[in-house]
């Protein structure tokens, strides 16, 4: 009985955090802002592309107007010319989290990059694997299909969630697996009391939202954004590595595909990305999946006030 009471007491005194997650285009940012306005909160982005300066339209970064005066963290913290790692994210996001808590405010983590979310809320000790130039040189000479075969053989779990068209990430994943074995199963111990709310949309509705979002982004001059990134010095390979819209708009600008192929490829790749996101999230049994905003707000209210 004493042990049970001690555990309960420890849990009650852990700082509270709300996580808003879900697949791309599901409406995470809008929901996070609505909850933040109700409960005196600040938002930490958990998006692997919104960390980069200049990746605004294609990454779906919230505008100043959309923020509605709610402070947002971990946006525009890195140069798109440089690779930003999950370890770097973890370090900066933890600092932001502590600042929010010191203000007496509620932190809300919002995003679709599952590994970023887990790296922040759990006490992960991320493995340090320095680059192996000799191995990289050998792997860079291989085709994507060959790299995928290697990763599938040596680390089938990482193979399920990786961007299979991103050669840089494939090489890095193989490098890590070859050095330390399969991606380590990190223990999910958290110093925080966490409520995870996942937005659930029927496939048909989500596909429609993805199509509508792309049309909107093209009207918002997405192609001009990619041209600006080129002018800033990003080469074609780096733009390709950034994935989704940046990959296929850059291929269109390079003359490798036409406009229809660009649009079709973005839509197809976006849906494949949804599947990878859901593969990650389905492993987490702590997520409360909701179909509407009111249900999410009710969950948040019960969590914050108890």
C-alpha atoms as a PDB file:
ATOM      1  CA  UNK A   1       0.000   0.000   0.000  1.00  0.00           C
ATOM      2  CA  UNK A   2       2.820   2.424   0.921  1.00  0.00           C
ATOM      3  CA  UNK A   3       4.552   1.775  -2.407  1.00  0.00           C
ATOM      4  CA  UNK A   4       1.311   2.446  -4.321  1.00  0.00           C
ATOM      5  CA  UNK A   5       0.823   5.752  -2.485  1.00  0.00           C
ATOM      6  CA  UNK A   6       4.418   6.766  -3.151  1.00  0.00           C
ATOM      7  CA  UNK A   7       4.053   6.042  -6.857  1.00  0.00           C
ATOM      8  CA  UNK A   8       0.810   8.013  -7.001  1.00  0.00           C
ATOM      9  CA  UNK A   9       2.393  10.955  -5.193  1.00  0.00           C
ATOM     10  CA  UNK A  10       5.381  10.952  -7.570  1.00  0.00           C
ATOM     11  CA  UNK A  11       3.057  10.937 -10.554  1.00  0.00           C
ATOM     12  CA  UNK A  12       0.905  13.754  -9.179  1.00  0.00           C
ATOM     13  CA  UNK A  13       3.897  16.025  -8.705  1.00  0.00           C
ATOM     14  CA  UNK A  14       5.371  15.494 -12.139  1.00  0.00           C
ATOM     15  CA  UNK A  15       4.962  18.572 -14.390  1.00  0.00           C
ATOM     16  CA  UNK A  16       2.088  18.213 -16.818  1.00  0.00           C
ATOM     17  CA  UNK A  17       2.587  18.229 -20.592  1.00  0.00           C
ATOM     18  CA  UNK A  18       0.050  17.857 -23.395  1.00  0.00           C
ATOM     19  CA  UNK A  19       1.119  16.326 -26.714  1.00  0.00           C
ATOM     20  CA  UNK A  20      -0.933  16.950 -29.860  1.00  0.00           C
ATOM     21  CA  UNK A  21       0.044  14.501 -32.579  1.00  0.00           C
ATOM     22  CA  UNK A  22      -1.288  12.855 -35.694  1.00  0.00           C
ATOM     23  CA  UNK A  23      -0.641  12.448 -39.402  1.00  0.00           C
ATOM     24  CA  UNK A  24       0.190  15.292 -41.762  1.00  0.00           C
ATOM     25  CA  UNK A  25      -2.717  17.632 -42.684  1.00  0.00           C
ATOM     26  CA  UNK A  26      -4.882  16.429 -39.774  1.00  0.00           C
ATOM     27  CA  UNK A  27      -5.128  19.862 -38.084  1.00  0.00           C
ATOM     28  CA  UNK A  28      -2.630  19.548 -35.218  1.00  0.00           C
ATOM     29  CA  UNK A  29      -1.511  23.186 -35.122  1.00  0.00           C
ATOM     30  CA  UNK A  30      -5.054  24.553 -35.059  1.00  0.00           C
ATOM     31  CA  UNK A  31      -6.003  22.253 -32.185  1.00  0.00           C
ATOM     32  CA  UNK A  32      -2.819  23.031 -30.227  1.00  0.00           C
ATOM     33  CA  UNK A  33      -3.469  26.782 -30.488  1.00  0.00           C
ATOM     34  CA  UNK A  34      -7.085  26.396 -29.334  1.00  0.00           C
ATOM     35  CA  UNK A  35      -6.014  24.385 -26.284  1.00  0.00           C
ATOM     36  CA  UNK A  36      -3.123  26.771 -25.566  1.00  0.00           C
ATOM     37  CA  UNK A  37      -5.464  29.776 -25.497  1.00  0.00           C
ATOM     38  CA  UNK A  38      -7.754  28.060 -22.988  1.00  0.00           C
ATOM     39  CA  UNK A  39      -5.101  26.814 -20.592  1.00  0.00           C
ATOM     40  CA  UNK A  40      -2.334  29.460 -20.537  1.00  0.00           C
ATOM     41  CA  UNK A  41       0.082  27.342 -22.565  1.00  0.00           C
ATOM     42  CA  UNK A  42       3.009  27.683 -24.940  1.00  0.00           C
ATOM     43  CA  UNK A  43       3.706  25.404 -27.888  1.00  0.00           C
ATOM     44  CA  UNK A  44       6.844  23.454 -28.781  1.00  0.00           C
ATOM     45  CA  UNK A  45       6.915  22.290 -32.385  1.00  0.00           C
ATOM     46  CA  UNK A  46       7.909  18.675 -33.024  1.00  0.00           C
ATOM     47  CA  UNK A  47       8.332  18.830 -36.774  1.00  0.00           C
ATOM     48  CA  UNK A  48      11.556  17.808 -38.485  1.00  0.00           C
ATOM     49  CA  UNK A  49      11.250  20.433 -41.244  1.00  0.00           C
ATOM     50  CA  UNK A  50       9.768  23.394 -39.389  1.00  0.00           C
ATOM     51  CA  UNK A  51      13.053  23.732 -37.497  1.00  0.00           C
ATOM     52  CA  UNK A  52      14.589  25.124 -40.704  1.00  0.00           C
ATOM     53  CA  UNK A  53      14.571  28.809 -41.648  1.00  0.00           C
ATOM     54  CA  UNK A  54      12.913  29.471 -44.986  1.00  0.00           C
ATOM     55  CA  UNK A  55      10.902  26.245 -45.047  1.00  0.00           C
ATOM     56  CA  UNK A  56       7.594  27.952 -44.370  1.00  0.00           C
ATOM     57  CA  UNK A  57       4.944  27.134 -46.968  1.00  0.00           C
ATOM     58  CA  UNK A  58       6.106  23.608 -47.759  1.00  0.00           C
ATOM     59  CA  UNK A  59       6.393  22.606 -44.101  1.00  0.00           C
ATOM     60  CA  UNK A  60       3.058  24.141 -43.077  1.00  0.00           C
ATOM     61  CA  UNK A  61       4.694  26.433 -40.531  1.00  0.00           C
ATOM     62  CA  UNK A  62       2.155  28.533 -38.619  1.00  0.00           C
ATOM     63  CA  UNK A  63       2.180  32.248 -39.410  1.00  0.00           C
ATOM     64  CA  UNK A  64       2.335  35.013 -36.798  1.00  0.00           C
ATOM     65  CA  UNK A  65      -1.360  35.688 -37.398  1.00  0.00           C
ATOM     66  CA  UNK A  66      -2.296  32.005 -36.982  1.00  0.00           C
ATOM     67  CA  UNK A  67      -0.341  31.821 -33.697  1.00  0.00           C
ATOM     68  CA  UNK A  68      -2.875  34.224 -32.121  1.00  0.00           C
ATOM     69  CA  UNK A  69      -0.199  35.539 -29.722  1.00  0.00           C
ATOM     70  CA  UNK A  70       0.623  32.048 -28.409  1.00  0.00           C
ATOM     71  CA  UNK A  71       4.434  31.683 -28.106  1.00  0.00           C
ATOM     72  CA  UNK A  72       5.842  28.932 -30.338  1.00  0.00           C
ATOM     73  CA  UNK A  73       9.248  27.286 -29.857  1.00  0.00           C
ATOM     74  CA  UNK A  74      11.591  25.255 -32.081  1.00  0.00           C
ATOM     75  CA  UNK A  75      10.615  27.036 -35.292  1.00  0.00           C
ATOM     76  CA  UNK A  76      13.357  28.543 -37.471  1.00  0.00           C
ATOM     77  CA  UNK A  77      16.233  27.358 -35.272  1.00  0.00           C
ATOM     78  CA  UNK A  78      18.494  25.872 -37.971  1.00  0.00           C
ATOM     79  CA  UNK A  79      19.942  26.670 -41.383  1.00  0.00           C
ATOM     80  CA  UNK A  80      18.468  24.498 -44.154  1.00  0.00           C
ATOM     81  CA  UNK A  81      21.998  24.059 -45.484  1.00  0.00           C
ATOM     82  CA  UNK A  82      22.911  22.049 -42.394  1.00  0.00           C
ATOM     83  CA  UNK A  83      21.565  18.699 -41.197  1.00  0.00           C
ATOM     84  CA  UNK A  84      19.631  19.107 -37.939  1.00  0.00           C
ATOM     85  CA  UNK A  85      19.689  15.956 -35.804  1.00  0.00           C
ATOM     86  CA  UNK A  86      17.231  14.582 -33.282  1.00  0.00           C
ATOM     87  CA  UNK A  87      19.915  15.044 -30.597  1.00  0.00           C
ATOM     88  CA  UNK A  88      20.075  18.773 -31.418  1.00  0.00           C
ATOM     89  CA  UNK A  89      16.298  18.948 -31.295  1.00  0.00           C
ATOM     90  CA  UNK A  90      16.196  17.191 -27.936  1.00  0.00           C
ATOM     91  CA  UNK A  91      18.687  19.643 -26.415  1.00  0.00           C
ATOM     92  CA  UNK A  92      16.925  22.807 -27.618  1.00  0.00           C
ATOM     93  CA  UNK A  93      13.418  21.488 -26.930  1.00  0.00           C
ATOM     94  CA  UNK A  94      14.317  20.519 -23.352  1.00  0.00           C
ATOM     95  CA  UNK A  95      15.550  24.073 -22.733  1.00  0.00           C
ATOM     96  CA  UNK A  96      12.296  25.478 -24.131  1.00  0.00           C
ATOM     97  CA  UNK A  97      10.285  23.067 -21.995  1.00  0.00           C
ATOM     98  CA  UNK A  98      12.021  24.144 -18.797  1.00  0.00           C
ATOM     99  CA  UNK A  99      11.529  27.843 -19.634  1.00  0.00           C
ATOM    100  CA  UNK A 100       7.796  27.298 -20.113  1.00  0.00           C
ATOM    101  CA  UNK A 101       7.493  25.399 -16.836  1.00  0.00           C
ATOM    102  CA  UNK A 102       9.446  28.097 -14.948  1.00  0.00           C
ATOM    103  CA  UNK A 103       6.882  30.643 -16.149  1.00  0.00           C
ATOM    104  CA  UNK A 104       4.175  28.498 -14.589  1.00  0.00           C
ATOM    105  CA  UNK A 105       2.693  27.744 -17.983  1.00  0.00           C
ATOM    106  CA  UNK A 106       1.558  24.498 -19.595  1.00  0.00           C
ATOM    107  CA  UNK A 107       3.821  23.108 -22.354  1.00  0.00           C
ATOM    108  CA  UNK A 108       2.078  21.713 -25.429  1.00  0.00           C
ATOM    109  CA  UNK A 109       4.168  19.648 -27.829  1.00  0.00           C
ATOM    110  CA  UNK A 110       2.679  19.660 -31.301  1.00  0.00           C
ATOM    111  CA  UNK A 111       3.867  17.757 -34.345  1.00  0.00           C
ATOM    112  CA  UNK A 112       3.964  14.682 -36.481  1.00  0.00           C
ATOM    113  CA  UNK A 113       7.587  13.618 -36.056  1.00  0.00           C
ATOM    114  CA  UNK A 114       7.192  10.766 -33.567  1.00  0.00           C
ATOM    115  CA  UNK A 115      10.877  10.383 -32.747  1.00  0.00           C
ATOM    116  CA  UNK A 116      11.180  14.098 -31.912  1.00  0.00           C
ATOM    117  CA  UNK A 117       8.210  13.841 -29.538  1.00  0.00           C
ATOM    118  CA  UNK A 118       9.583  10.755 -27.791  1.00  0.00           C
ATOM    119  CA  UNK A 119      13.092  12.199 -27.554  1.00  0.00           C
ATOM    120  CA  UNK A 120      11.681  15.183 -25.681  1.00  0.00           C
ATOM    121  CA  UNK A 121       9.194  13.645 -23.260  1.00  0.00           C
ATOM    122  CA  UNK A 122      11.192  10.537 -22.377  1.00  0.00           C
ATOM    123  CA  UNK A 123      14.610  10.376 -20.755  1.00  0.00           C
ATOM    124  CA  UNK A 124      16.293   9.074 -23.899  1.00  0.00           C
ATOM    125  CA  UNK A 125      20.057   8.766 -23.941  1.00  0.00           C
ATOM    126  CA  UNK A 126      20.544   8.940 -27.691  1.00  0.00           C
ATOM    127  CA  UNK A 127      23.448   6.862 -29.011  1.00  0.00           C
ATOM    128  CA  UNK A 128      26.365   8.865 -30.362  1.00  0.00           C
ATOM    129  CA  UNK A 129      27.594   7.398 -33.631  1.00  0.00           C
ATOM    130  CA  UNK A 130      30.193   9.571 -35.368  1.00  0.00           C
ATOM    131  CA  UNK A 131      30.221   9.634 -39.193  1.00  0.00           C
ATOM    132  CA  UNK A 132      32.167   6.825 -40.845  1.00  0.00           C
ATOM    133  CA  UNK A 133      33.623   8.415 -44.004  1.00  0.00           C
ATOM    134  CA  UNK A 134      34.843   5.126 -45.436  1.00  0.00           C
ATOM    135  CA  UNK A 135      31.453   3.438 -45.011  1.00  0.00           C
ATOM    136  CA  UNK A 136      29.601   6.475 -46.343  1.00  0.00           C
ATOM    137  CA  UNK A 137      31.705   6.626 -49.477  1.00  0.00           C
ATOM    138  CA  UNK A 138      30.933   2.979 -50.169  1.00  0.00           C
ATOM    139  CA  UNK A 139      27.195   3.373 -49.504  1.00  0.00           C
ATOM    140  CA  UNK A 140      26.868   6.552 -51.585  1.00  0.00           C
ATOM    141  CA  UNK A 141      27.813   4.526 -54.645  1.00  0.00           C
ATOM    142  CA  UNK A 142      24.794   2.239 -54.199  1.00  0.00           C
ATOM    143  CA  UNK A 143      21.295   2.673 -55.641  1.00  0.00           C
ATOM    144  CA  UNK A 144      18.293   3.328 -53.379  1.00  0.00           C
ATOM    145  CA  UNK A 145      17.004  -0.215 -53.911  1.00  0.00           C
ATOM    146  CA  UNK A 146      20.305  -1.669 -52.713  1.00  0.00           C
ATOM    147  CA  UNK A 147      20.361   0.587 -49.640  1.00  0.00           C
ATOM    148  CA  UNK A 148      16.800  -0.418 -48.782  1.00  0.00           C
ATOM    149  CA  UNK A 149      17.692  -4.115 -48.994  1.00  0.00           C
ATOM    150  CA  UNK A 150      20.622  -3.598 -46.612  1.00  0.00           C
ATOM    151  CA  UNK A 151      18.557  -1.642 -44.077  1.00  0.00           C
ATOM    152  CA  UNK A 152      15.687  -4.116 -44.221  1.00  0.00           C
ATOM    153  CA  UNK A 153      18.099  -6.945 -43.454  1.00  0.00           C
ATOM    154  CA  UNK A 154      20.024  -5.317 -40.605  1.00  0.00           C
ATOM    155  CA  UNK A 155      17.299  -3.124 -39.011  1.00  0.00           C
ATOM    156  CA  UNK A 156      13.748  -4.104 -40.063  1.00  0.00           C
ATOM    157  CA  UNK A 157      12.125  -1.806 -37.456  1.00  0.00           C
ATOM    158  CA  UNK A 158      13.855   1.324 -38.786  1.00  0.00           C
ATOM    159  CA  UNK A 159      13.038   0.190 -42.320  1.00  0.00           C
ATOM    160  CA  UNK A 160       9.299   0.446 -41.533  1.00  0.00           C
ATOM    161  CA  UNK A 161       9.369   4.158 -40.654  1.00  0.00           C
ATOM    162  CA  UNK A 162      12.190   5.655 -42.744  1.00  0.00           C
ATOM    163  CA  UNK A 163      11.697   7.906 -45.779  1.00  0.00           C
ATOM    164  CA  UNK A 164      12.613   5.367 -48.446  1.00  0.00           C
ATOM    165  CA  UNK A 165      13.504   7.986 -51.040  1.00  0.00           C
ATOM    166  CA  UNK A 166      15.901   9.879 -48.776  1.00  0.00           C
ATOM    167  CA  UNK A 167      19.344   8.507 -49.558  1.00  0.00           C
ATOM    168  CA  UNK A 168      21.069  10.510 -46.818  1.00  0.00           C
ATOM    169  CA  UNK A 169      18.788   9.133 -44.104  1.00  0.00           C
ATOM    170  CA  UNK A 170      19.110   5.590 -45.435  1.00  0.00           C
ATOM    171  CA  UNK A 171      22.901   5.818 -45.331  1.00  0.00           C
ATOM    172  CA  UNK A 172      22.842   7.241 -41.802  1.00  0.00           C
ATOM    173  CA  UNK A 173      20.443   4.517 -40.609  1.00  0.00           C
ATOM    174  CA  UNK A 174      22.717   1.810 -42.049  1.00  0.00           C
ATOM    175  CA  UNK A 175      25.750   3.512 -40.498  1.00  0.00           C
ATOM    176  CA  UNK A 176      24.122   3.454 -37.041  1.00  0.00           C
ATOM    177  CA  UNK A 177      22.884  -0.124 -37.382  1.00  0.00           C
ATOM    178  CA  UNK A 178      26.268  -1.372 -38.563  1.00  0.00           C
ATOM    179  CA  UNK A 179      28.024   0.415 -35.680  1.00  0.00           C
ATOM    180  CA  UNK A 180      25.794  -0.380 -32.697  1.00  0.00           C
ATOM    181  CA  UNK A 181      23.449  -3.029 -34.040  1.00  0.00           C
ATOM    182  CA  UNK A 182      19.741  -2.430 -34.580  1.00  0.00           C
ATOM    183  CA  UNK A 183      18.229   0.883 -33.540  1.00  0.00           C
ATOM    184  CA  UNK A 184      18.184   0.601 -29.749  1.00  0.00           C
ATOM    185  CA  UNK A 185      14.816   0.111 -28.063  1.00  0.00           C
ATOM    186  CA  UNK A 186      14.863   3.139 -25.821  1.00  0.00           C
ATOM    187  CA  UNK A 187      13.114   2.818 -22.461  1.00  0.00           C
ATOM    188  CA  UNK A 188      10.067   5.042 -22.183  1.00  0.00           C
ATOM    189  CA  UNK A 189      10.534   6.590 -18.771  1.00  0.00           C
ATOM    190  CA  UNK A 190       9.340  10.166 -18.423  1.00  0.00           C
ATOM    191  CA  UNK A 191       9.881  12.823 -15.763  1.00  0.00           C
ATOM    192  CA  UNK A 192       6.578  14.363 -16.830  1.00  0.00           C
ATOM    193  CA  UNK A 193       2.880  13.617 -16.497  1.00  0.00           C
ATOM    194  CA  UNK A 194       1.916  13.422 -20.172  1.00  0.00           C
ATOM    195  CA  UNK A 195      -1.426  13.469 -21.967  1.00  0.00           C
ATOM    196  CA  UNK A 196      -1.153  12.427 -25.610  1.00  0.00           C
ATOM    197  CA  UNK A 197      -4.003  13.406 -27.907  1.00  0.00           C
ATOM    198  CA  UNK A 198      -3.971  12.019 -31.441  1.00  0.00           C
ATOM    199  CA  UNK A 199      -6.147  13.411 -34.230  1.00  0.00           C
ATOM    200  CA  UNK A 200      -7.868  10.652 -36.175  1.00  0.00           C
ATOM    201  CA  UNK A 201      -9.300  11.227 -39.655  1.00  0.00           C
ATOM    202  CA  UNK A 202     -10.903   8.709 -42.047  1.00  0.00           C
ATOM    203  CA  UNK A 203      -8.516   7.950 -44.968  1.00  0.00           C
ATOM    204  CA  UNK A 204     -10.854   9.475 -47.565  1.00  0.00           C
ATOM    205  CA  UNK A 205     -11.149  12.733 -45.602  1.00  0.00           C
ATOM    206  CA  UNK A 206      -7.409  12.900 -44.935  1.00  0.00           C
ATOM    207  CA  UNK A 207      -6.577  12.402 -48.628  1.00  0.00           C
ATOM    208  CA  UNK A 208      -8.945  15.244 -49.491  1.00  0.00           C
ATOM    209  CA  UNK A 209      -7.310  17.486 -46.870  1.00  0.00           C
ATOM    210  CA  UNK A 210      -3.861  16.706 -48.310  1.00  0.00           C
ATOM    211  CA  UNK A 211      -5.066  17.622 -51.827  1.00  0.00           C
ATOM    212  CA  UNK A 212      -6.660  20.869 -50.630  1.00  0.00           C
ATOM    213  CA  UNK A 213      -3.543  21.760 -48.673  1.00  0.00           C
ATOM    214  CA  UNK A 214      -1.308  21.298 -51.711  1.00  0.00           C
ATOM    215  CA  UNK A 215      -3.562  23.509 -53.852  1.00  0.00           C
ATOM    216  CA  UNK A 216      -3.397  26.179 -51.156  1.00  0.00           C
ATOM    217  CA  UNK A 217       0.388  25.945 -50.868  1.00  0.00           C
ATOM    218  CA  UNK A 218       0.832  26.297 -54.621  1.00  0.00           C
ATOM    219  CA  UNK A 219      -1.350  29.438 -54.504  1.00  0.00           C
ATOM    220  CA  UNK A 220       0.818  30.684 -51.616  1.00  0.00           C
ATOM    221  CA  UNK A 221       3.809  30.528 -53.988  1.00  0.00           C
ATOM    222  CA  UNK A 222       5.411  27.304 -52.851  1.00  0.00           C
ATOM    223  CA  UNK A 223       7.420  27.137 -56.085  1.00  0.00           C
ATOM    224  CA  UNK A 224       8.843  30.611 -55.381  1.00  0.00           C
ATOM    225  CA  UNK A 225       9.844  29.444 -51.888  1.00  0.00           C
ATOM    226  CA  UNK A 226      11.895  26.602 -53.361  1.00  0.00           C
ATOM    227  CA  UNK A 227      13.473  29.007 -55.889  1.00  0.00           C
ATOM    228  CA  UNK A 228      14.474  31.250 -52.963  1.00  0.00           C
ATOM    229  CA  UNK A 229      16.085  28.294 -51.188  1.00  0.00           C
ATOM    230  CA  UNK A 230      18.088  27.591 -54.351  1.00  0.00           C
ATOM    231  CA  UNK A 231      19.232  31.223 -54.430  1.00  0.00           C
ATOM    232  CA  UNK A 232      20.353  30.866 -50.807  1.00  0.00           C
ATOM    233  CA  UNK A 233      22.738  28.116 -51.875  1.00  0.00           C
ATOM    234  CA  UNK A 234      20.849  24.853 -51.341  1.00  0.00           C
ATOM    235  CA  UNK A 235      21.818  22.342 -53.997  1.00  0.00           C
ATOM    236  CA  UNK A 236      19.394  19.966 -55.693  1.00  0.00           C
ATOM    237  CA  UNK A 237      20.442  17.039 -53.494  1.00  0.00           C
ATOM    238  CA  UNK A 238      19.826  18.980 -50.281  1.00  0.00           C
ATOM    239  CA  UNK A 239      16.360  20.024 -51.469  1.00  0.00           C
ATOM    240  CA  UNK A 240      15.665  16.405 -52.383  1.00  0.00           C
ATOM    241  CA  UNK A 241      16.685  15.326 -48.876  1.00  0.00           C
ATOM    242  CA  UNK A 242      14.129  17.718 -47.352  1.00  0.00           C
ATOM    243  CA  UNK A 243      11.386  15.505 -48.784  1.00  0.00           C
ATOM    244  CA  UNK A 244       7.742  15.892 -49.815  1.00  0.00           C
ATOM    245  CA  UNK A 245       7.041  19.270 -51.488  1.00  0.00           C
ATOM    246  CA  UNK A 246      10.708  20.319 -51.530  1.00  0.00           C
ATOM    247  CA  UNK A 247      11.790  17.110 -53.234  1.00  0.00           C
ATOM    248  CA  UNK A 248       9.318  17.243 -56.098  1.00  0.00           C
ATOM    249  CA  UNK A 249       9.166  21.009 -56.627  1.00  0.00           C
ATOM    250  CA  UNK A 250      12.966  20.998 -56.931  1.00  0.00           C
ATOM    251  CA  UNK A 251      12.787  18.125 -59.427  1.00  0.00           C
ATOM    252  CA  UNK A 252      10.211  20.131 -61.399  1.00  0.00           C
ATOM    253  CA  UNK A 253      12.442  23.220 -61.362  1.00  0.00           C
ATOM    254  CA  UNK A 254      15.418  21.095 -62.449  1.00  0.00           C
ATOM    255  CA  UNK A 255      13.397  19.900 -65.456  1.00  0.00           C
ATOM    256  CA  UNK A 256      13.292  16.272 -64.349  1.00  0.00           C
ATOM    257  CA  UNK A 257       9.478  16.107 -64.153  1.00  0.00           C
ATOM    258  CA  UNK A 258       6.552  18.171 -65.440  1.00  0.00           C
ATOM    259  CA  UNK A 259       4.023  20.030 -63.267  1.00  0.00           C
ATOM    260  CA  UNK A 260       1.427  17.246 -63.290  1.00  0.00           C
ATOM    261  CA  UNK A 261       4.076  14.690 -62.306  1.00  0.00           C
ATOM    262  CA  UNK A 262       5.187  17.050 -59.528  1.00  0.00           C
ATOM    263  CA  UNK A 263       1.653  17.322 -58.082  1.00  0.00           C
ATOM    264  CA  UNK A 264       0.919  13.595 -58.429  1.00  0.00           C
ATOM    265  CA  UNK A 265       4.239  12.711 -56.773  1.00  0.00           C
ATOM    266  CA  UNK A 266       3.683  15.077 -53.834  1.00  0.00           C
ATOM    267  CA  UNK A 267       0.226  13.614 -53.209  1.00  0.00           C
ATOM    268  CA  UNK A 268       1.489  10.043 -53.442  1.00  0.00           C
ATOM    269  CA  UNK A 269       4.522  10.737 -51.239  1.00  0.00           C
ATOM    270  CA  UNK A 270       2.375  12.575 -48.672  1.00  0.00           C
ATOM    271  CA  UNK A 271       0.145   9.531 -48.305  1.00  0.00           C
ATOM    272  CA  UNK A 272       3.163   7.250 -47.916  1.00  0.00           C
ATOM    273  CA  UNK A 273       4.398   9.630 -45.216  1.00  0.00           C
ATOM    274  CA  UNK A 274       1.034   9.322 -43.429  1.00  0.00           C
ATOM    275  CA  UNK A 275       1.474   5.547 -43.391  1.00  0.00           C
ATOM    276  CA  UNK A 276       4.962   5.858 -41.884  1.00  0.00           C
ATOM    277  CA  UNK A 277       3.682   8.269 -39.232  1.00  0.00           C
ATOM    278  CA  UNK A 278       0.830   5.951 -38.284  1.00  0.00           C
ATOM    279  CA  UNK A 279       3.197   2.954 -38.140  1.00  0.00           C
ATOM    280  CA  UNK A 280       5.121   4.872 -35.462  1.00  0.00           C
ATOM    281  CA  UNK A 281       2.064   6.101 -33.542  1.00  0.00           C
ATOM    282  CA  UNK A 282       0.246   2.762 -33.535  1.00  0.00           C
ATOM    283  CA  UNK A 283       2.971   1.338 -31.292  1.00  0.00           C
ATOM    284  CA  UNK A 284       2.055   3.861 -28.574  1.00  0.00           C
ATOM    285  CA  UNK A 285      -0.904   2.647 -26.499  1.00  0.00           C
ATOM    286  CA  UNK A 286      -0.941   5.839 -24.398  1.00  0.00           C
ATOM    287  CA  UNK A 287      -2.440   7.965 -27.183  1.00  0.00           C
ATOM    288  CA  UNK A 288      -6.067   9.054 -26.866  1.00  0.00           C
ATOM    289  CA  UNK A 289      -7.359   9.228 -30.438  1.00  0.00           C
ATOM    290  CA  UNK A 290     -10.084  11.816 -31.066  1.00  0.00           C
ATOM    291  CA  UNK A 291     -12.254  12.597 -34.067  1.00  0.00           C
ATOM    292  CA  UNK A 292     -13.286  16.140 -33.146  1.00  0.00           C
ATOM    293  CA  UNK A 293     -11.877  19.226 -31.470  1.00  0.00           C
ATOM    294  CA  UNK A 294     -14.408  19.308 -28.620  1.00  0.00           C
ATOM    295  CA  UNK A 295     -13.426  15.804 -27.485  1.00  0.00           C
ATOM    296  CA  UNK A 296      -9.782  16.897 -27.435  1.00  0.00           C
ATOM    297  CA  UNK A 297     -10.581  20.042 -25.444  1.00  0.00           C
ATOM    298  CA  UNK A 298     -12.576  18.001 -22.916  1.00  0.00           C
ATOM    299  CA  UNK A 299      -9.643  15.604 -22.453  1.00  0.00           C
ATOM    300  CA  UNK A 300      -7.250  18.522 -21.981  1.00  0.00           C
ATOM    301  CA  UNK A 301      -9.575  20.200 -19.479  1.00  0.00           C
ATOM    302  CA  UNK A 302      -9.928  17.049 -17.379  1.00  0.00           C
ATOM    303  CA  UNK A 303      -6.143  16.542 -17.461  1.00  0.00           C
ATOM    304  CA  UNK A 304      -5.228  20.118 -16.541  1.00  0.00           C
ATOM    305  CA  UNK A 305      -7.796  20.540 -13.775  1.00  0.00           C
ATOM    306  CA  UNK A 306      -7.249  17.231 -11.957  1.00  0.00           C
END
